[in-house]
Amino acid sequence: MLVVLVVVSFLLMTFDIRASGGGVAGTLREGTQAVLAPVQKLATSVISPVVDFIDGLANLAGLRDENEALRRKIAELEARVDEIGTLEAEVETLRRVADLTLPDESIPTQPARVIARGDNFDSSFIIDKGTSDGIVVGNPVVDENGALVGEVSMVTPDAATVVPIIRPTGAVTVESQTGETGIVLGQGSAILILEVNPAAEPVFADYLLVTAGSTKFPPGLSVAKVAESASPEAAKIRTEAIPVADFNRLKLVVVMQWTFTAGEGAEESPTTTDTTEPGEPGSETGTP
């Protein structure tokens, strides 16, 4: 059978070549193509999706690996973008610290980073500068914009603890834009209480309150803004104020290397001591 088929094939090929596409061989070929063409189209339409599906299954594992690699790459790029944003913000903060101008430019300053914070019951925080950098207890601390943050309460050679003005026991003597002098009291939150007693003039919302000079802070430092307008009642004012410094975002602060000295600005009277025995004429005890 195989031999017969081979012989018939050669004969048909010979007739086709001699007929140059015409005659019986041409007719048979055209008829065969006409009959088989729809079958070929149907087979192609059925087989091609199957083949594509099989190829897809074969490449599925590779696609999963590629997708996972792309996800990791995207995560790395996003992390780098966040890091760049953080660095840009830090550079901007450092620039503001470098350009910071305080009311008294003669006071030396020392920038410091916030390295630790207290819990919900302790609003104090720790900075990375200490006695080795000239920091002492009582030094005022401001943020990068010069707003009062608090004061140094404890110091070691390499670190210091800062208690903020928002602590419940905090109190700062302030002055309003109208010249009224009062006290800003901490509440342990982002809201301060302004008390003016005696009060002659009202205070209005957004009035800036600055340090009036006290036993803790030099004058002229921004402290808070009045939250609600208030008028004197029985010569007193009590209203809320919002700190200028953002205590939730403190990362870099500036320590003012300044401490108040008792009697500063006042002339001290000398103390004298008389060595005359008590009871003798002219004996007296010197008093300041």
Protein backbone atom coordinates (compact mmCIF):
# COMPACT_ATOMS: atom_id res chain seq x y z
CA MET A 1 0.00 0.00 0.00
CA LEU A 2 2.83 2.32 0.82
CA VAL A 3 4.51 1.66 -2.50
CA VAL A 4 1.24 2.25 -4.38
CA LEU A 5 0.68 5.54 -2.59
CA VAL A 6 4.18 6.71 -3.34
CA VAL A 7 3.81 5.81 -7.04
CA VAL A 8 0.43 7.58 -7.27
CA SER A 9 1.92 10.66 -5.63
CA PHE A 10 4.73 10.82 -8.12
CA LEU A 11 2.29 10.40 -11.01
CA LEU A 12 0.08 13.23 -9.76
CA MET A 13 3.10 15.46 -9.27
CA THR A 14 4.24 14.66 -12.81
CA PHE A 15 0.80 15.45 -14.31
CA ASP A 16 0.65 18.68 -12.33
CA ILE A 17 4.07 19.83 -13.52
CA ARG A 18 3.26 18.99 -17.15
CA ALA A 19 -0.14 20.65 -16.98
CA SER A 20 1.44 23.78 -15.44
CA GLY A 21 -1.48 24.14 -13.06
CA GLY A 22 -4.10 23.27 -15.65
CA GLY A 23 -5.92 20.11 -16.70
CA VAL A 24 -7.18 17.38 -14.45
CA ALA A 25 -4.43 17.85 -11.83
CA GLY A 26 -5.17 21.55 -11.52
CA THR A 27 -8.86 20.88 -11.22
CA LEU A 28 -8.24 18.27 -8.52
CA ARG A 29 -5.96 20.64 -6.61
CA GLU A 30 -8.42 23.50 -6.76
CA GLY A 31 -11.24 21.25 -5.68
CA THR A 32 -9.23 19.89 -2.81
CA GLN A 33 -8.34 23.43 -1.65
CA ALA A 34 -11.96 24.52 -1.92
CA VAL A 35 -13.07 21.58 0.19
CA LEU A 36 -10.31 21.76 2.76
CA ALA A 37 -10.18 25.58 3.23
CA PRO A 38 -13.22 25.77 5.54
CA VAL A 39 -11.92 22.79 7.46
CA GLN A 40 -8.55 24.51 7.88
CA LYS A 41 -10.19 27.74 9.08
CA LEU A 42 -12.31 25.84 11.58
CA ALA A 43 -9.31 23.88 12.81
CA THR A 44 -7.30 27.08 13.17
CA SER A 45 -10.06 28.84 15.11
CA VAL A 46 -10.37 25.88 17.47
CA ILE A 47 -6.75 24.91 17.84
CA SER A 48 -5.17 28.39 18.13
CA PRO A 49 -6.87 29.32 21.45
CA VAL A 50 -6.00 25.93 22.84
CA VAL A 51 -2.38 26.36 21.84
CA ASP A 52 -2.32 29.90 23.30
CA PHE A 53 -3.87 28.63 26.53
CA ILE A 54 -1.27 25.90 26.82
CA ASP A 55 1.50 28.43 26.13
CA GLY A 56 0.02 30.71 28.79
CA LEU A 57 0.06 27.90 31.32
CA ALA A 58 3.64 27.17 30.43
CA ASN A 59 4.60 30.83 30.96
CA LEU A 60 2.43 31.38 34.06
CA ALA A 61 5.17 30.55 36.53
CA GLY A 62 7.57 32.89 34.75
CA LEU A 63 5.01 35.70 34.77
CA ARG A 64 4.43 35.23 38.48
CA ASP A 65 8.14 35.55 39.15
CA GLU A 66 8.33 38.68 36.98
CA ASN A 67 5.34 40.23 38.76
CA GLU A 68 6.86 39.51 42.15
CA ALA A 69 10.15 41.08 41.06
CA LEU A 70 8.27 44.14 39.78
CA ARG A 71 6.40 44.46 43.08
CA ARG A 72 9.66 44.36 45.02
CA LYS A 73 11.17 46.97 42.71
CA ILE A 74 8.15 49.24 43.12
CA ALA A 75 8.32 48.87 46.91
CA GLU A 76 12.03 49.78 46.86
CA LEU A 77 11.38 52.84 44.71
CA GLU A 78 8.53 53.99 46.95
CA ALA A 79 10.76 53.57 50.01
CA ARG A 80 13.45 55.65 48.31
CA VAL A 81 10.91 58.33 47.44
CA ASP A 82 9.77 58.46 51.09
CA GLU A 83 13.38 58.60 52.24
CA ILE A 84 14.13 61.43 49.83
CA GLY A 85 11.07 63.30 51.09
CA THR A 86 12.22 62.85 54.69
CA LEU A 87 15.73 64.04 53.85
CA GLU A 88 14.37 67.08 52.03
CA ALA A 89 12.22 67.97 55.04
CA GLU A 90 15.22 67.55 57.36
CA VAL A 91 17.38 69.73 55.12
CA GLU A 92 14.68 72.40 55.17
CA THR A 93 14.53 72.20 58.96
CA LEU A 94 18.32 72.51 59.21
CA ARG A 95 18.17 75.51 56.89
CA ARG A 96 15.60 77.22 59.12
CA VAL A 97 17.73 76.48 62.18
CA ALA A 98 20.78 77.95 60.47
CA ASP A 99 18.80 81.08 59.53
CA LEU A 100 17.05 81.35 62.91
CA THR A 101 17.05 84.84 64.38
CA LEU A 102 16.11 85.18 68.05
CA PRO A 103 15.07 88.38 69.84
CA ASP A 104 18.41 88.47 71.66
CA GLU A 105 21.09 87.51 69.15
CA SER A 106 23.79 87.69 71.81
CA ILE A 107 22.55 84.46 73.41
CA PRO A 108 24.57 81.43 72.20
CA THR A 109 22.51 78.59 70.76
CA GLN A 110 23.05 74.86 70.32
CA PRO A 111 20.95 72.79 67.86
CA ALA A 112 19.94 69.34 69.11
CA ARG A 113 17.98 66.34 67.89
CA VAL A 114 15.05 64.82 69.72
CA ILE A 115 16.10 61.21 70.35
CA ALA A 116 13.37 59.97 72.72
CA ARG A 117 9.91 60.93 73.90
CA GLY A 118 7.83 60.19 76.97
CA ASP A 119 4.54 58.31 77.00
CA ASN A 120 0.99 59.66 77.18
CA PHE A 121 1.53 60.56 80.83
CA ASP A 122 4.89 62.25 80.30
CA SER A 123 5.24 64.98 77.68
CA SER A 124 8.97 65.47 78.26
CA PHE A 125 11.55 64.45 75.66
CA ILE A 126 15.28 63.83 75.46
CA ILE A 127 17.79 65.60 73.20
CA ASP A 128 21.26 64.48 72.12
CA LYS A 129 23.21 67.37 73.69
CA GLY A 130 24.41 67.66 77.29
CA THR A 131 26.93 69.28 79.59
CA SER A 132 29.76 68.44 77.20
CA ASP A 133 28.06 70.82 74.74
CA GLY A 134 27.53 73.56 77.32
CA ILE A 135 23.92 72.66 78.16
CA VAL A 136 22.79 73.30 81.75
CA VAL A 137 19.55 72.95 83.69
CA GLY A 138 17.22 75.87 83.04
CA ASN A 139 18.28 76.55 79.45
CA PRO A 140 15.26 77.57 77.32
CA VAL A 141 14.48 75.40 74.29
CA VAL A 142 12.84 76.65 71.07
CA ASP A 143 11.86 74.95 67.81
CA GLU A 144 13.39 75.63 64.40
CA ASN A 145 11.14 78.68 63.99
CA GLY A 146 12.09 80.22 67.33
CA ALA A 147 8.85 79.32 69.16
CA LEU A 148 9.24 78.43 72.83
CA VAL A 149 9.14 74.70 73.53
CA GLY A 150 10.22 74.36 77.14
CA GLU A 151 13.29 74.22 79.35
CA VAL A 152 16.04 71.78 80.25
CA SER A 153 15.18 70.01 83.50
CA MET A 154 17.93 67.39 83.73
CA VAL A 155 21.24 67.03 81.96
CA THR A 156 24.01 64.45 81.55
CA PRO A 157 27.26 64.76 79.62
CA ASP A 158 25.69 63.57 76.35
CA ALA A 159 21.94 64.15 76.71
CA ALA A 160 19.35 66.35 78.35
CA THR A 161 15.67 66.12 79.32
CA VAL A 162 13.36 68.91 78.21
CA VAL A 163 10.03 69.61 79.93
CA PRO A 164 7.63 71.39 77.55
CA ILE A 165 5.39 74.34 78.38
CA ILE A 166 2.30 72.17 77.78
CA ARG A 167 2.94 70.03 80.86
CA PRO A 168 0.24 70.38 83.54
CA THR A 169 2.58 72.26 85.88
CA GLY A 170 3.94 74.55 83.17
CA ALA A 171 3.54 78.32 83.51
CA VAL A 172 4.99 81.06 81.32
CA THR A 173 4.65 84.79 81.82
CA VAL A 174 3.49 86.29 78.51
CA GLU A 175 2.58 89.60 76.98
CA SER A 176 -0.17 90.21 74.42
CA GLN A 177 -0.17 92.63 71.48
CA THR A 178 -2.08 95.14 73.59
CA GLY A 179 0.59 95.09 76.26
CA GLU A 180 -1.44 93.02 78.72
CA THR A 181 0.68 90.72 80.86
CA GLY A 182 -0.63 87.33 81.89
CA ILE A 183 0.29 83.71 82.45
CA VAL A 184 -0.02 80.78 80.08
CA LEU A 185 -0.73 77.53 81.92
CA GLY A 186 -0.09 74.03 80.58
CA GLN A 187 -2.86 71.42 80.56
CA GLY A 188 -0.91 68.37 79.41
CA SER A 189 -2.39 68.74 75.91
CA ALA A 190 -2.18 71.01 72.88
CA ILE A 191 -4.45 73.56 74.57
CA LEU A 192 -3.07 76.16 76.97
CA ILE A 193 -4.96 78.44 79.34
CA LEU A 194 -4.30 82.19 79.28
CA GLU A 195 -4.99 84.07 82.49
CA VAL A 196 -4.68 87.86 82.69
CA ASN A 197 -5.18 89.43 86.12
CA PRO A 198 -5.66 92.33 86.33
CA ALA A 199 -6.93 92.89 82.79
CA ALA A 200 -7.89 96.25 81.32
CA GLU A 201 -8.07 95.42 77.60
CA PRO A 202 -9.69 92.48 75.77
CA VAL A 203 -7.67 89.88 73.89
CA PHE A 204 -8.72 88.70 70.45
CA ALA A 205 -8.34 85.42 68.56
CA ASP A 206 -4.96 84.99 66.83
CA TYR A 207 -3.26 87.52 69.12
CA LEU A 208 0.37 86.43 69.46
CA LEU A 209 1.59 85.89 73.00
CA VAL A 210 5.32 86.28 73.65
CA THR A 211 7.45 85.81 76.73
CA ALA A 212 7.42 88.89 78.93
CA GLY A 213 10.65 87.98 80.67
CA SER A 214 10.60 85.94 83.85
CA THR A 215 12.75 83.75 86.02
CA LYS A 216 12.84 81.15 83.23
CA PHE A 217 12.80 82.66 79.74
CA PRO A 218 14.20 85.70 77.97
CA PRO A 219 11.62 88.15 76.59
CA GLY A 220 10.21 88.22 73.06
CA LEU A 221 9.93 84.47 72.34
CA SER A 222 6.74 83.33 70.58
CA VAL A 223 4.68 81.15 72.91
CA ALA A 224 1.07 80.80 71.74
CA LYS A 225 -1.84 82.41 69.92
CA VAL A 226 -5.14 83.28 71.54
CA ALA A 227 -7.76 80.73 70.49
CA GLU A 228 -10.90 82.58 71.61
CA SER A 229 -11.47 86.28 72.07
CA ALA A 230 -12.22 87.32 75.64
CA SER A 231 -13.05 90.54 77.47
CA PRO A 232 -12.26 91.39 81.08
CA GLU A 233 -14.75 90.17 83.66
CA ALA A 234 -14.16 91.52 87.13
CA ALA A 235 -10.82 92.75 85.79
CA LYS A 236 -9.84 89.18 84.84
CA ILE A 237 -9.47 87.26 81.58
CA ARG A 238 -9.37 83.50 81.23
CA THR A 239 -9.38 81.93 77.76
CA GLU A 240 -7.68 79.25 75.69
CA ALA A 241 -4.49 79.55 73.64
CA ILE A 242 -2.76 77.30 71.13
CA PRO A 243 1.04 76.79 71.26
CA VAL A 244 2.97 78.11 68.28
CA ALA A 245 5.35 75.12 68.38
CA ASP A 246 4.06 71.80 67.04
CA PHE A 247 4.98 69.36 69.80
CA ASN A 248 3.91 66.31 67.79
CA ARG A 249 6.46 66.96 65.05
CA LEU A 250 9.51 68.07 66.98
CA LYS A 251 12.64 66.51 65.54
CA LEU A 252 15.18 69.29 65.80
CA VAL A 253 15.25 71.96 68.51
CA VAL A 254 17.54 74.79 69.52
CA VAL A 255 18.83 75.19 73.07
CA MET A 256 19.43 78.76 74.18
CA GLN A 257 22.48 78.74 76.44
CA TRP A 258 21.02 81.32 78.79
CA THR A 259 19.94 81.11 82.42
CA PHE A 260 18.22 83.71 84.54
CA THR A 261 20.20 84.97 87.49
CA ALA A 262 18.29 85.99 90.61
CA GLY A 263 18.38 89.75 90.94
CA GLU A 264 19.54 90.13 87.36
CA GLY A 265 19.12 93.71 86.27
CA ALA A 266 18.77 94.94 89.87
CA GLU A 267 21.49 96.49 91.92
CA GLU A 268 22.30 94.43 94.98
CA SER A 269 22.82 96.30 98.27
CA PRO A 270 25.96 95.38 100.19
CA THR A 271 25.74 93.42 103.40
CA THR A 272 27.77 94.74 106.32
CA THR A 273 28.77 92.96 109.49
CA ASP A 274 29.75 94.78 112.72
CA THR A 275 32.20 92.94 114.95
CA THR A 276 31.21 94.96 118.03
CA GLU A 277 30.01 92.76 120.84
CA PRO A 278 26.27 92.85 121.46
CA GLY A 279 25.36 95.37 124.18
CA GLU A 280 28.31 97.64 123.40
CA PRO A 281 27.55 101.17 122.18
CA GLY A 282 27.15 101.42 118.42
CA SER A 283 26.64 97.70 117.96
CA GLU A 284 24.29 96.80 115.05
CA THR A 285 23.72 94.00 112.68
CA GLY A 286 24.10 94.85 109.02
CA THR A 287 21.09 94.16 106.80
CA PRO A 288 20.89 94.12 102.98
